[in-house]
């Protein structure tokens, strides 16, 4: 059967591998960890001591930040009063405070939304500006930062290079800080999908047209392989189910998920909300060379995953991505 290159690109990265096409990454560049540790830490609301929660996470995961320049990349999409679209500002502020207390040389908060271009409006409306002011932190608009050309470490998009913000590339520790949500194009958005915000809109347009044209799953894998965020902090205190990442409804989970393997963190988050990570295209592909998806290779610390398991509503077309009753999604 003849399959066009465009059809493969649109079908996603797993289809590229299944088709027998040349592997779009160098195996020698990647080493899968034998085991990945994901921390699950209780946080019943945004009013608890989140600095303590995240500080305990850093200790549990043995993440050293002393003397490092840390870049926190939250998910800031749009502001609508009473919604839970964005990474909560209390989580972002707590992460910054925890990093500084652990000896970080500098903490920068940075984002490049693909939906709302007016960052000043987002910062003030969400309340993030107050946290930045209190902690004397810089905010960087990644959409308009200076850029450098970087060779992609995998080429599922068939692109060889991408322009990335200088501030991102200068960071010693990149922390992806998503809101846990379902997604109407990617099934779920967490640590890996959150990296769409590092692609500069001033170069590639809104809503980051190059990523959509070359396939969302392809782009998620290529960005994760290239940026290689060293830490994930997922806001799962209140997630979003249904027609995410903007039009969905709130769903309380009560957890902060943290880990140094973003693939394992996202696989755990998928299981938390009732999705089978092996059926999510970008996670299935990433499991071959980027990180662990198999539950047997993921160690949970802090709390057991069963404490937080939920069954998030998804769009009808994604009901086949649900965990089968009694399955661990291995």
C-alpha atoms as a PDB file:
ATOM      1  CA  UNK A   1       0.000   0.000   0.000  1.00  0.00           C
ATOM      2  CA  UNK A   2       1.397   3.385  -0.970  1.00  0.00           C
ATOM      3  CA  UNK A   3       1.393   5.990   1.801  1.00  0.00           C
ATOM      4  CA  UNK A   4       2.305   9.603   1.053  1.00  0.00           C
ATOM      5  CA  UNK A   5       4.865  11.411   3.176  1.00  0.00           C
ATOM      6  CA  UNK A   6       2.270  14.079   3.999  1.00  0.00           C
ATOM      7  CA  UNK A   7      -0.166  11.419   5.218  1.00  0.00           C
ATOM      8  CA  UNK A   8       2.503  10.008   7.518  1.00  0.00           C
ATOM      9  CA  UNK A   9       3.345  13.442   8.887  1.00  0.00           C
ATOM     10  CA  UNK A  10      -0.270  14.146   9.676  1.00  0.00           C
ATOM     11  CA  UNK A  11      -0.822  10.679  11.109  1.00  0.00           C
ATOM     12  CA  UNK A  12       1.788  11.220  13.799  1.00  0.00           C
ATOM     13  CA  UNK A  13       5.205   9.925  14.829  1.00  0.00           C
ATOM     14  CA  UNK A  14       4.107   6.388  15.671  1.00  0.00           C
ATOM     15  CA  UNK A  15       2.892   5.967  12.096  1.00  0.00           C
ATOM     16  CA  UNK A  16       6.320   6.978  10.809  1.00  0.00           C
ATOM     17  CA  UNK A  17       8.007   4.235  12.830  1.00  0.00           C
ATOM     18  CA  UNK A  18       5.362   1.631  11.990  1.00  0.00           C
ATOM     19  CA  UNK A  19       5.706   2.369   8.279  1.00  0.00           C
ATOM     20  CA  UNK A  20       9.335   1.281   8.273  1.00  0.00           C
ATOM     21  CA  UNK A  21      10.670   4.762   7.435  1.00  0.00           C
ATOM     22  CA  UNK A  22      14.218   5.624   8.492  1.00  0.00           C
ATOM     23  CA  UNK A  23      14.339   6.173  12.239  1.00  0.00           C
ATOM     24  CA  UNK A  24      14.228   9.963  12.684  1.00  0.00           C
ATOM     25  CA  UNK A  25      16.737  10.089  15.545  1.00  0.00           C
ATOM     26  CA  UNK A  26      20.204   8.778  16.353  1.00  0.00           C
ATOM     27  CA  UNK A  27      19.936   6.026  18.956  1.00  0.00           C
ATOM     28  CA  UNK A  28      23.408   6.901  20.237  1.00  0.00           C
ATOM     29  CA  UNK A  29      22.147  10.342  21.297  1.00  0.00           C
ATOM     30  CA  UNK A  30      19.610   8.943  23.752  1.00  0.00           C
ATOM     31  CA  UNK A  31      19.810   6.541  26.669  1.00  0.00           C
ATOM     32  CA  UNK A  32      16.587   5.306  28.228  1.00  0.00           C
ATOM     33  CA  UNK A  33      16.776   5.213  32.029  1.00  0.00           C
ATOM     34  CA  UNK A  34      16.367   1.802  33.600  1.00  0.00           C
ATOM     35  CA  UNK A  35      13.786   3.304  35.947  1.00  0.00           C
ATOM     36  CA  UNK A  36      12.189   6.723  36.224  1.00  0.00           C
ATOM     37  CA  UNK A  37      11.015   8.253  39.476  1.00  0.00           C
ATOM     38  CA  UNK A  38       7.801  10.293  39.549  1.00  0.00           C
ATOM     39  CA  UNK A  39       6.793  12.025  42.762  1.00  0.00           C
ATOM     40  CA  UNK A  40       3.105  12.456  43.645  1.00  0.00           C
ATOM     41  CA  UNK A  41       2.583  14.983  46.413  1.00  0.00           C
ATOM     42  CA  UNK A  42      -0.774  15.876  48.002  1.00  0.00           C
ATOM     43  CA  UNK A  43      -2.091  19.414  47.621  1.00  0.00           C
ATOM     44  CA  UNK A  44      -5.787  19.679  48.415  1.00  0.00           C
ATOM     45  CA  UNK A  45      -6.021  23.315  47.327  1.00  0.00           C
ATOM     46  CA  UNK A  46      -3.978  26.264  46.109  1.00  0.00           C
ATOM     47  CA  UNK A  47      -3.974  27.677  49.637  1.00  0.00           C
ATOM     48  CA  UNK A  48      -1.782  24.952  51.173  1.00  0.00           C
ATOM     49  CA  UNK A  49       1.956  25.514  51.675  1.00  0.00           C
ATOM     50  CA  UNK A  50       2.990  24.814  48.091  1.00  0.00           C
ATOM     51  CA  UNK A  51       6.552  25.971  48.738  1.00  0.00           C
ATOM     52  CA  UNK A  52       6.887  23.075  51.169  1.00  0.00           C
ATOM     53  CA  UNK A  53       5.259  20.653  48.714  1.00  0.00           C
ATOM     54  CA  UNK A  54       7.636  21.555  45.885  1.00  0.00           C
ATOM     55  CA  UNK A  55      10.669  21.725  48.180  1.00  0.00           C
ATOM     56  CA  UNK A  56       9.919  18.181  49.360  1.00  0.00           C
ATOM     57  CA  UNK A  57       9.622  17.171  45.721  1.00  0.00           C
ATOM     58  CA  UNK A  58      13.074  18.551  44.935  1.00  0.00           C
ATOM     59  CA  UNK A  59      14.526  16.627  47.872  1.00  0.00           C
ATOM     60  CA  UNK A  60      12.692  13.408  47.005  1.00  0.00           C
ATOM     61  CA  UNK A  61      13.919  13.557  43.409  1.00  0.00           C
ATOM     62  CA  UNK A  62      17.406  14.703  44.451  1.00  0.00           C
ATOM     63  CA  UNK A  63      17.239  17.726  42.143  1.00  0.00           C
ATOM     64  CA  UNK A  64      20.141  20.095  42.804  1.00  0.00           C
ATOM     65  CA  UNK A  65      19.626  23.733  41.857  1.00  0.00           C
ATOM     66  CA  UNK A  66      22.334  25.504  43.874  1.00  0.00           C
ATOM     67  CA  UNK A  67      24.146  28.036  41.716  1.00  0.00           C
ATOM     68  CA  UNK A  68      21.978  27.324  38.666  1.00  0.00           C
ATOM     69  CA  UNK A  69      20.002  29.675  36.454  1.00  0.00           C
ATOM     70  CA  UNK A  70      16.488  28.202  36.457  1.00  0.00           C
ATOM     71  CA  UNK A  71      13.828  28.872  33.827  1.00  0.00           C
ATOM     72  CA  UNK A  72      10.236  28.104  34.857  1.00  0.00           C
ATOM     73  CA  UNK A  73       7.929  27.574  31.880  1.00  0.00           C
ATOM     74  CA  UNK A  74       4.270  27.599  33.049  1.00  0.00           C
ATOM     75  CA  UNK A  75       1.234  27.195  30.814  1.00  0.00           C
ATOM     76  CA  UNK A  76      -0.319  30.621  30.207  1.00  0.00           C
ATOM     77  CA  UNK A  77      -2.919  30.501  27.470  1.00  0.00           C
ATOM     78  CA  UNK A  78      -5.763  32.924  28.101  1.00  0.00           C
ATOM     79  CA  UNK A  79      -7.514  34.584  30.994  1.00  0.00           C
ATOM     80  CA  UNK A  80     -11.183  34.171  31.787  1.00  0.00           C
ATOM     81  CA  UNK A  81     -12.385  34.832  35.317  1.00  0.00           C
ATOM     82  CA  UNK A  82     -13.417  31.707  37.175  1.00  0.00           C
ATOM     83  CA  UNK A  83     -11.709  29.260  34.809  1.00  0.00           C
ATOM     84  CA  UNK A  84      -8.729  26.955  35.338  1.00  0.00           C
ATOM     85  CA  UNK A  85      -7.019  27.297  31.962  1.00  0.00           C
ATOM     86  CA  UNK A  86      -3.541  28.215  33.189  1.00  0.00           C
ATOM     87  CA  UNK A  87      -0.951  26.820  35.573  1.00  0.00           C
ATOM     88  CA  UNK A  88      -2.089  28.392  38.835  1.00  0.00           C
ATOM     89  CA  UNK A  89       0.020  31.381  39.815  1.00  0.00           C
ATOM     90  CA  UNK A  90       0.420  30.044  43.363  1.00  0.00           C
ATOM     91  CA  UNK A  91       2.157  26.969  41.951  1.00  0.00           C
ATOM     92  CA  UNK A  92       4.459  29.117  39.818  1.00  0.00           C
ATOM     93  CA  UNK A  93       5.270  31.429  42.724  1.00  0.00           C
ATOM     94  CA  UNK A  94       5.880  28.486  45.051  1.00  0.00           C
ATOM     95  CA  UNK A  95       8.222  26.828  42.555  1.00  0.00           C
ATOM     96  CA  UNK A  96      10.232  30.033  42.218  1.00  0.00           C
ATOM     97  CA  UNK A  97      10.400  30.433  46.004  1.00  0.00           C
ATOM     98  CA  UNK A  98      11.477  26.796  46.455  1.00  0.00           C
ATOM     99  CA  UNK A  99      14.203  27.135  43.812  1.00  0.00           C
ATOM    100  CA  UNK A 100      15.602  30.289  45.385  1.00  0.00           C
ATOM    101  CA  UNK A 101      15.512  28.724  48.848  1.00  0.00           C
ATOM    102  CA  UNK A 102      17.439  25.743  47.454  1.00  0.00           C
ATOM    103  CA  UNK A 103      20.196  28.090  46.263  1.00  0.00           C
ATOM    104  CA  UNK A 104      19.333  28.851  42.641  1.00  0.00           C
ATOM    105  CA  UNK A 105      21.463  31.702  41.325  1.00  0.00           C
ATOM    106  CA  UNK A 106      18.534  33.132  39.362  1.00  0.00           C
ATOM    107  CA  UNK A 107      14.968  32.167  38.574  1.00  0.00           C
ATOM    108  CA  UNK A 108      13.304  33.409  35.399  1.00  0.00           C
ATOM    109  CA  UNK A 109       9.657  32.809  34.474  1.00  0.00           C
ATOM    110  CA  UNK A 110       9.097  32.552  30.727  1.00  0.00           C
ATOM    111  CA  UNK A 111       6.266  31.724  28.346  1.00  0.00           C
ATOM    112  CA  UNK A 112       5.278  32.294  24.729  1.00  0.00           C
ATOM    113  CA  UNK A 113       1.512  31.784  24.429  1.00  0.00           C
ATOM    114  CA  UNK A 114       0.124  30.697  21.094  1.00  0.00           C
ATOM    115  CA  UNK A 115      -3.311  32.164  21.803  1.00  0.00           C
ATOM    116  CA  UNK A 116      -3.021  35.472  23.650  1.00  0.00           C
ATOM    117  CA  UNK A 117      -0.284  37.827  22.446  1.00  0.00           C
ATOM    118  CA  UNK A 118      -0.717  40.494  25.145  1.00  0.00           C
ATOM    119  CA  UNK A 119       1.517  39.145  27.911  1.00  0.00           C
ATOM    120  CA  UNK A 120       1.088  42.204  30.116  1.00  0.00           C
ATOM    121  CA  UNK A 121      -2.650  41.547  30.173  1.00  0.00           C
ATOM    122  CA  UNK A 122      -2.097  37.875  31.078  1.00  0.00           C
ATOM    123  CA  UNK A 123       0.410  38.631  33.834  1.00  0.00           C
ATOM    124  CA  UNK A 124      -1.787  41.224  35.513  1.00  0.00           C
ATOM    125  CA  UNK A 125      -5.118  39.424  35.031  1.00  0.00           C
ATOM    126  CA  UNK A 126      -3.894  36.058  36.331  1.00  0.00           C
ATOM    127  CA  UNK A 127      -2.107  37.631  39.294  1.00  0.00           C
ATOM    128  CA  UNK A 128       1.281  36.293  38.236  1.00  0.00           C
ATOM    129  CA  UNK A 129       2.659  39.833  38.110  1.00  0.00           C
ATOM    130  CA  UNK A 130       2.229  40.149  41.886  1.00  0.00           C
ATOM    131  CA  UNK A 131       4.284  36.985  42.475  1.00  0.00           C
ATOM    132  CA  UNK A 132       6.998  38.208  40.123  1.00  0.00           C
ATOM    133  CA  UNK A 133       7.104  41.557  41.905  1.00  0.00           C
ATOM    134  CA  UNK A 134       7.215  40.038  45.398  1.00  0.00           C
ATOM    135  CA  UNK A 135      10.090  37.705  44.503  1.00  0.00           C
ATOM    136  CA  UNK A 136      11.823  40.236  42.215  1.00  0.00           C
ATOM    137  CA  UNK A 137      11.735  37.851  39.271  1.00  0.00           C
ATOM    138  CA  UNK A 138      12.142  38.596  35.588  1.00  0.00           C
ATOM    139  CA  UNK A 139       9.516  37.475  33.100  1.00  0.00           C
ATOM    140  CA  UNK A 140      10.575  36.710  29.523  1.00  0.00           C
ATOM    141  CA  UNK A 141       8.161  36.734  26.601  1.00  0.00           C
ATOM    142  CA  UNK A 142       9.498  33.813  24.575  1.00  0.00           C
ATOM    143  CA  UNK A 143       7.462  34.881  21.552  1.00  0.00           C
ATOM    144  CA  UNK A 144       9.684  37.924  20.979  1.00  0.00           C
ATOM    145  CA  UNK A 145      12.987  36.987  22.632  1.00  0.00           C
ATOM    146  CA  UNK A 146      16.196  36.869  20.591  1.00  0.00           C
ATOM    147  CA  UNK A 147      16.501  33.518  18.842  1.00  0.00           C
ATOM    148  CA  UNK A 148      19.186  31.054  17.824  1.00  0.00           C
ATOM    149  CA  UNK A 149      19.014  28.291  15.276  1.00  0.00           C
ATOM    150  CA  UNK A 150      19.163  24.865  16.930  1.00  0.00           C
ATOM    151  CA  UNK A 151      19.428  21.494  15.232  1.00  0.00           C
ATOM    152  CA  UNK A 152      16.554  19.226  16.206  1.00  0.00           C
ATOM    153  CA  UNK A 153      17.739  16.065  17.950  1.00  0.00           C
ATOM    154  CA  UNK A 154      14.924  14.091  16.339  1.00  0.00           C
ATOM    155  CA  UNK A 155      13.216  14.820  13.029  1.00  0.00           C
ATOM    156  CA  UNK A 156       9.699  13.399  13.166  1.00  0.00           C
ATOM    157  CA  UNK A 157       8.537  16.736  11.713  1.00  0.00           C
ATOM    158  CA  UNK A 158      11.125  16.337   8.927  1.00  0.00           C
ATOM    159  CA  UNK A 159      12.547  19.694   9.997  1.00  0.00           C
ATOM    160  CA  UNK A 160      16.293  19.823  10.604  1.00  0.00           C
ATOM    161  CA  UNK A 161      16.501  23.048  12.592  1.00  0.00           C
ATOM    162  CA  UNK A 162      14.296  25.296  14.685  1.00  0.00           C
ATOM    163  CA  UNK A 163      14.658  28.818  16.058  1.00  0.00           C
ATOM    164  CA  UNK A 164      14.530  28.839  19.870  1.00  0.00           C
ATOM    165  CA  UNK A 165      14.653  31.729  22.369  1.00  0.00           C
ATOM    166  CA  UNK A 166      18.054  32.696  23.702  1.00  0.00           C
ATOM    167  CA  UNK A 167      16.800  32.833  27.298  1.00  0.00           C
ATOM    168  CA  UNK A 168      15.677  29.217  27.067  1.00  0.00           C
ATOM    169  CA  UNK A 169      19.038  28.081  25.713  1.00  0.00           C
ATOM    170  CA  UNK A 170      20.968  29.996  28.383  1.00  0.00           C
ATOM    171  CA  UNK A 171      19.155  28.309  31.276  1.00  0.00           C
ATOM    172  CA  UNK A 172      20.959  25.662  33.308  1.00  0.00           C
ATOM    173  CA  UNK A 173      17.694  24.035  34.399  1.00  0.00           C
ATOM    174  CA  UNK A 174      14.509  24.166  32.295  1.00  0.00           C
ATOM    175  CA  UNK A 175      11.366  23.344  34.290  1.00  0.00           C
ATOM    176  CA  UNK A 176       8.165  22.624  32.392  1.00  0.00           C
ATOM    177  CA  UNK A 177       5.148  23.532  34.550  1.00  0.00           C
ATOM    178  CA  UNK A 178       1.900  22.562  32.834  1.00  0.00           C
ATOM    179  CA  UNK A 179      -1.682  22.442  33.975  1.00  0.00           C
ATOM    180  CA  UNK A 180      -3.008  18.878  33.723  1.00  0.00           C
ATOM    181  CA  UNK A 181      -5.682  18.962  31.014  1.00  0.00           C
ATOM    182  CA  UNK A 182      -7.314  16.961  28.275  1.00  0.00           C
ATOM    183  CA  UNK A 183      -6.663  18.356  24.814  1.00  0.00           C
ATOM    184  CA  UNK A 184      -8.858  18.406  21.736  1.00  0.00           C
ATOM    185  CA  UNK A 185      -5.916  17.712  19.383  1.00  0.00           C
ATOM    186  CA  UNK A 186      -3.332  15.859  21.501  1.00  0.00           C
ATOM    187  CA  UNK A 187      -5.647  13.851  23.836  1.00  0.00           C
ATOM    188  CA  UNK A 188      -3.811  15.192  26.904  1.00  0.00           C
ATOM    189  CA  UNK A 189      -1.531  18.129  27.647  1.00  0.00           C
ATOM    190  CA  UNK A 190       1.095  17.990  30.363  1.00  0.00           C
ATOM    191  CA  UNK A 191       4.909  18.307  30.521  1.00  0.00           C
ATOM    192  CA  UNK A 192       5.691  17.587  26.872  1.00  0.00           C
ATOM    193  CA  UNK A 193       2.880  19.455  25.108  1.00  0.00           C
ATOM    194  CA  UNK A 194       3.643  22.462  27.327  1.00  0.00           C
ATOM    195  CA  UNK A 195       6.861  22.971  25.338  1.00  0.00           C
ATOM    196  CA  UNK A 196       4.859  24.417  22.431  1.00  0.00           C
ATOM    197  CA  UNK A 197       5.153  27.673  24.369  1.00  0.00           C
ATOM    198  CA  UNK A 198       8.928  27.868  23.829  1.00  0.00           C
ATOM    199  CA  UNK A 199       8.516  28.219  20.053  1.00  0.00           C
ATOM    200  CA  UNK A 200       8.665  31.953  19.193  1.00  0.00           C
ATOM    201  CA  UNK A 201       5.473  33.297  17.661  1.00  0.00           C
ATOM    202  CA  UNK A 202       7.354  36.240  16.137  1.00  0.00           C
ATOM    203  CA  UNK A 203       9.189  33.708  13.947  1.00  0.00           C
ATOM    204  CA  UNK A 204       6.548  31.034  13.375  1.00  0.00           C
ATOM    205  CA  UNK A 205       3.264  32.894  13.799  1.00  0.00           C
ATOM    206  CA  UNK A 206       0.209  32.319  15.935  1.00  0.00           C
ATOM    207  CA  UNK A 207      -0.822  29.725  16.934  1.00  0.00           C
ATOM    208  CA  UNK A 208       2.706  28.418  16.167  1.00  0.00           C
ATOM    209  CA  UNK A 209       1.667  27.417  12.650  1.00  0.00           C
ATOM    210  CA  UNK A 210       4.767  25.365  11.879  1.00  0.00           C
ATOM    211  CA  UNK A 211       3.946  22.936  14.693  1.00  0.00           C
ATOM    212  CA  UNK A 212       0.440  22.318  13.451  1.00  0.00           C
ATOM    213  CA  UNK A 213       1.468  21.981   9.820  1.00  0.00           C
ATOM    214  CA  UNK A 214       4.111  19.349  10.568  1.00  0.00           C
ATOM    215  CA  UNK A 215       1.890  17.425  12.976  1.00  0.00           C
ATOM    216  CA  UNK A 216       1.214  18.102  16.643  1.00  0.00           C
ATOM    217  CA  UNK A 217       2.439  14.698  17.853  1.00  0.00           C
ATOM    218  CA  UNK A 218       5.554  14.984  15.689  1.00  0.00           C
ATOM    219  CA  UNK A 219       6.264  18.433  17.095  1.00  0.00           C
ATOM    220  CA  UNK A 220       5.745  17.364  20.709  1.00  0.00           C
ATOM    221  CA  UNK A 221       8.344  14.614  20.322  1.00  0.00           C
ATOM    222  CA  UNK A 222      10.881  16.763  18.467  1.00  0.00           C
ATOM    223  CA  UNK A 223      10.618  19.630  20.960  1.00  0.00           C
ATOM    224  CA  UNK A 224      10.981  17.341  23.962  1.00  0.00           C
ATOM    225  CA  UNK A 225      13.973  15.592  22.395  1.00  0.00           C
ATOM    226  CA  UNK A 226      15.648  18.931  21.664  1.00  0.00           C
ATOM    227  CA  UNK A 227      14.792  21.105  24.680  1.00  0.00           C
ATOM    228  CA  UNK A 228      15.201  18.182  27.122  1.00  0.00           C
ATOM    229  CA  UNK A 229      13.575  19.831  30.169  1.00  0.00           C
ATOM    230  CA  UNK A 230      15.342  18.610  33.288  1.00  0.00           C
ATOM    231  CA  UNK A 231      12.306  18.832  35.583  1.00  0.00           C
ATOM    232  CA  UNK A 232       8.519  18.672  35.337  1.00  0.00           C
ATOM    233  CA  UNK A 233       6.162  20.169  37.917  1.00  0.00           C
ATOM    234  CA  UNK A 234       2.549  19.448  36.957  1.00  0.00           C
ATOM    235  CA  UNK A 235      -0.326  21.431  38.439  1.00  0.00           C
ATOM    236  CA  UNK A 236      -2.826  18.655  39.046  1.00  0.00           C
ATOM    237  CA  UNK A 237      -4.497  20.322  42.016  1.00  0.00           C
ATOM    238  CA  UNK A 238      -7.453  21.172  39.784  1.00  0.00           C
ATOM    239  CA  UNK A 239      -7.235  19.841  36.245  1.00  0.00           C
ATOM    240  CA  UNK A 240      -9.407  20.299  33.170  1.00  0.00           C
ATOM    241  CA  UNK A 241     -11.505  17.559  31.562  1.00  0.00           C
ATOM    242  CA  UNK A 242     -13.617  17.458  28.423  1.00  0.00           C
ATOM    243  CA  UNK A 243     -12.867  19.894  25.616  1.00  0.00           C
ATOM    244  CA  UNK A 244      -9.504  21.128  26.866  1.00  0.00           C
ATOM    245  CA  UNK A 245      -7.205  22.972  26.812  1.00  0.00           C
ATOM    246  CA  UNK A 246      -9.496  26.027  27.003  1.00  0.00           C
ATOM    247  CA  UNK A 247     -13.168  25.026  26.825  1.00  0.00           C
ATOM    248  CA  UNK A 248     -13.147  22.136  29.315  1.00  0.00           C
ATOM    249  CA  UNK A 249     -14.459  21.990  32.866  1.00  0.00           C
ATOM    250  CA  UNK A 250     -12.617  21.867  36.216  1.00  0.00           C
ATOM    251  CA  UNK A 251     -11.873  18.523  37.835  1.00  0.00           C
ATOM    252  CA  UNK A 252     -10.208  18.372  41.256  1.00  0.00           C
ATOM    253  CA  UNK A 253      -7.362  15.856  41.562  1.00  0.00           C
ATOM    254  CA  UNK A 254      -5.390  17.263  44.499  1.00  0.00           C
ATOM    255  CA  UNK A 255      -1.846  16.458  43.430  1.00  0.00           C
ATOM    256  CA  UNK A 256       1.427  17.997  42.311  1.00  0.00           C
ATOM    257  CA  UNK A 257       3.321  15.566  40.055  1.00  0.00           C
ATOM    258  CA  UNK A 258       7.082  15.991  39.667  1.00  0.00           C
ATOM    259  CA  UNK A 259       9.845  14.142  37.878  1.00  0.00           C
ATOM    260  CA  UNK A 260      13.030  14.423  35.849  1.00  0.00           C
ATOM    261  CA  UNK A 261      11.736  12.223  33.005  1.00  0.00           C
ATOM    262  CA  UNK A 262       8.941  14.191  31.286  1.00  0.00           C
ATOM    263  CA  UNK A 263       7.780  11.099  29.409  1.00  0.00           C
ATOM    264  CA  UNK A 264       7.337   9.142  32.633  1.00  0.00           C
ATOM    265  CA  UNK A 265       5.647  12.109  34.302  1.00  0.00           C
ATOM    266  CA  UNK A 266       3.161  12.403  31.444  1.00  0.00           C
ATOM    267  CA  UNK A 267       2.549   8.645  31.353  1.00  0.00           C
ATOM    268  CA  UNK A 268       1.765   8.806  35.066  1.00  0.00           C
ATOM    269  CA  UNK A 269      -0.518  11.816  34.534  1.00  0.00           C
ATOM    270  CA  UNK A 270      -2.350   9.921  31.791  1.00  0.00           C
ATOM    271  CA  UNK A 271      -2.980   7.017  34.145  1.00  0.00           C
ATOM    272  CA  UNK A 272      -4.101   9.444  36.850  1.00  0.00           C
ATOM    273  CA  UNK A 273      -6.919  10.723  34.654  1.00  0.00           C
ATOM    274  CA  UNK A 274      -7.949   7.346  33.201  1.00  0.00           C
ATOM    275  CA  UNK A 275      -6.046   7.397  29.903  1.00  0.00           C
ATOM    276  CA  UNK A 276      -3.801   4.663  28.512  1.00  0.00           C
ATOM    277  CA  UNK A 277      -0.418   6.308  27.742  1.00  0.00           C
ATOM    278  CA  UNK A 278       0.397   3.570  25.223  1.00  0.00           C
ATOM    279  CA  UNK A 279      -2.543   4.825  23.140  1.00  0.00           C
ATOM    280  CA  UNK A 280      -1.374   8.435  23.135  1.00  0.00           C
ATOM    281  CA  UNK A 281       0.686   8.781  19.986  1.00  0.00           C
ATOM    282  CA  UNK A 282       3.475  11.061  21.198  1.00  0.00           C
ATOM    283  CA  UNK A 283       3.960   9.081  24.419  1.00  0.00           C
ATOM    284  CA  UNK A 284       4.057   5.769  22.569  1.00  0.00           C
ATOM    285  CA  UNK A 285       6.737   7.108  20.238  1.00  0.00           C
ATOM    286  CA  UNK A 286       8.743   8.823  22.980  1.00  0.00           C
ATOM    287  CA  UNK A 287       8.892   5.545  24.917  1.00  0.00           C
ATOM    288  CA  UNK A 288      11.235   4.144  22.262  1.00  0.00           C
ATOM    289  CA  UNK A 289      14.065   6.581  22.981  1.00  0.00           C
ATOM    290  CA  UNK A 290      13.145   9.515  25.262  1.00  0.00           C
ATOM    291  CA  UNK A 291      11.692   8.170  28.495  1.00  0.00           C
ATOM    292  CA  UNK A 292       9.695   5.481  30.214  1.00  0.00           C
ATOM    293  CA  UNK A 293       5.999   4.824  29.671  1.00  0.00           C
ATOM    294  CA  UNK A 294       5.784   1.226  30.898  1.00  0.00           C
ATOM    295  CA  UNK A 295       4.396   1.281  34.449  1.00  0.00           C
ATOM    296  CA  UNK A 296       6.885  -1.419  35.462  1.00  0.00           C
ATOM    297  CA  UNK A 297       9.744   1.015  34.804  1.00  0.00           C
ATOM    298  CA  UNK A 298       8.228   3.950  36.721  1.00  0.00           C
ATOM    299  CA  UNK A 299       8.652   4.235  40.480  1.00  0.00           C
ATOM    300  CA  UNK A 300       6.174   6.436  42.332  1.00  0.00           C
ATOM    301  CA  UNK A 301       7.312   8.241  45.451  1.00  0.00           C
ATOM    302  CA  UNK A 302       5.360  10.359  47.872  1.00  0.00           C
ATOM    303  CA  UNK A 303       1.859   8.946  47.453  1.00  0.00           C
ATOM    304  CA  UNK A 304       0.513   5.937  45.573  1.00  0.00           C
ATOM    305  CA  UNK A 305      -1.078   6.640  42.206  1.00  0.00           C
ATOM    306  CA  UNK A 306      -4.310   4.923  43.320  1.00  0.00           C
ATOM    307  CA  UNK A 307      -4.987   7.802  45.701  1.00  0.00           C
ATOM    308  CA  UNK A 308      -5.499  10.202  42.803  1.00  0.00           C
ATOM    309  CA  UNK A 309      -6.957   8.075  40.027  1.00  0.00           C
ATOM    310  CA  UNK A 310      -9.814   9.805  38.223  1.00  0.00           C
ATOM    311  CA  UNK A 311     -11.832   9.176  35.101  1.00  0.00           C
ATOM    312  CA  UNK A 312     -11.643  12.430  33.144  1.00  0.00           C
ATOM    313  CA  UNK A 313     -14.272  13.082  30.509  1.00  0.00           C
ATOM    314  CA  UNK A 314     -12.823  13.217  26.996  1.00  0.00           C
ATOM    315  CA  UNK A 315     -14.181  14.035  23.564  1.00  0.00           C
ATOM    316  CA  UNK A 316     -15.966  11.145  21.858  1.00  0.00           C
ATOM    317  CA  UNK A 317     -13.113  10.600  19.399  1.00  0.00           C
ATOM    318  CA  UNK A 318     -10.736   9.866  22.297  1.00  0.00           C
ATOM    319  CA  UNK A 319     -12.848   7.385  24.226  1.00  0.00           C
ATOM    320  CA  UNK A 320     -10.753   4.618  22.681  1.00  0.00           C
ATOM    321  CA  UNK A 321      -7.740   6.066  24.530  1.00  0.00           C
ATOM    322  CA  UNK A 322      -9.219   5.192  27.907  1.00  0.00           C
ATOM    323  CA  UNK A 323      -7.658   2.636  30.206  1.00  0.00           C
ATOM    324  CA  UNK A 324      -9.463  -0.676  30.101  1.00  0.00           C
ATOM    325  CA  UNK A 325     -10.933  -1.561  33.501  1.00  0.00           C
ATOM    326  CA  UNK A 326      -8.306  -3.329  35.570  1.00  0.00           C
ATOM    327  CA  UNK A 327      -5.476  -2.329  33.223  1.00  0.00           C
ATOM    328  CA  UNK A 328      -2.394  -0.361  34.340  1.00  0.00           C
ATOM    329  CA  UNK A 329      -1.767   0.900  30.829  1.00  0.00           C
ATOM    330  CA  UNK A 330       1.478  -0.986  30.432  1.00  0.00           C
END
